[in-house]
């Protein structure tokens, strides 16, 4: 089973697309943006989930880095 939260590769202009259970949540420019998307999706302790591979899959770049590819 894959992680329900995917943080995609950095875009050429900066930021990373975030999907939650296959639905686009938005474009994150830092961990706080991701945490807000997760909070809106009903996950209040999002900061605790960012490094848990059962919850979050970081694709196409290093975790926690959002600058342009």
Protein backbone atom coordinates (compact mmCIF):
# COMPACT_ATOMS: atom_id res chain seq x y z
CA UNK A 1 0.00 0.00 0.00
CA UNK A 2 1.36 3.43 -0.89
CA UNK A 3 1.40 6.43 1.40
CA UNK A 4 -1.82 8.50 1.33
CA UNK A 5 0.12 11.77 1.11
CA UNK A 6 2.47 12.44 -1.79
CA UNK A 7 4.77 15.44 -2.02
CA UNK A 8 5.82 15.61 -5.66
CA UNK A 9 9.09 16.80 -7.18
CA UNK A 10 9.90 20.52 -7.02
CA UNK A 11 8.45 22.49 -9.92
CA UNK A 12 10.72 24.56 -12.19
CA UNK A 13 9.39 27.73 -10.54
CA UNK A 14 9.63 26.41 -6.98
CA UNK A 15 7.22 24.68 -4.67
CA UNK A 16 5.95 21.11 -4.65
CA UNK A 17 2.50 19.81 -5.49
CA UNK A 18 0.87 17.94 -2.61
CA UNK A 19 -1.74 15.25 -3.12
CA UNK A 20 -3.79 13.61 -0.39
CA UNK A 21 -5.42 10.30 -1.33
CA UNK A 22 -5.03 11.20 -5.00
CA UNK A 23 -6.60 14.67 -4.70
CA UNK A 24 -4.50 17.80 -5.28
CA UNK A 25 -4.26 19.76 -2.02
CA UNK A 26 -2.13 22.61 -3.34
CA UNK A 27 1.38 23.85 -4.02
CA UNK A 28 3.63 23.91 -0.95
CA UNK A 29 6.64 26.19 -0.61
CA UNK A 30 7.65 24.88 2.82
CA UNK A 31 6.70 22.36 5.49
CA UNK A 32 4.23 24.82 7.03
CA UNK A 33 2.23 24.84 3.78
CA UNK A 34 2.12 21.04 3.79
CA UNK A 35 1.03 21.03 7.43
CA UNK A 36 -1.80 23.44 6.62
CA UNK A 37 -3.01 21.26 3.73
CA UNK A 38 -3.00 18.25 6.04
CA UNK A 39 -4.78 20.15 8.80
CA UNK A 40 -7.51 21.11 6.32
CA UNK A 41 -7.79 17.42 5.39
CA UNK A 42 -8.44 16.55 9.04
CA UNK A 43 -4.92 15.61 10.17
CA UNK A 44 -4.13 18.06 12.99
CA UNK A 45 -0.70 16.61 13.93
CA UNK A 46 0.71 16.96 10.43
CA UNK A 47 4.22 17.98 11.49
CA UNK A 48 4.60 14.55 13.09
CA UNK A 49 3.66 12.81 9.83
CA UNK A 50 6.10 14.49 7.41
CA UNK A 51 8.93 12.03 8.10
CA UNK A 52 6.74 8.94 8.43
CA UNK A 53 6.93 6.91 5.19
CA UNK A 54 3.69 5.15 6.08
CA UNK A 55 1.95 8.53 5.68
CA UNK A 56 4.11 10.64 3.35
CA UNK A 57 6.01 9.80 0.19
CA UNK A 58 8.51 12.40 -1.03
CA UNK A 59 8.99 12.07 -4.80
CA UNK A 60 11.64 13.45 -7.11
CA UNK A 61 13.73 15.40 -4.66
CA UNK A 62 15.01 15.55 -1.14
CA UNK A 63 12.49 15.74 1.67
CA UNK A 64 11.78 19.22 3.03
CA UNK A 65 13.35 21.01 0.04
CA UNK A 66 11.02 23.13 -2.05
CA UNK A 67 13.26 25.30 -4.22
CA UNK A 68 13.06 25.18 -8.02
CA UNK A 69 14.28 22.04 -9.74
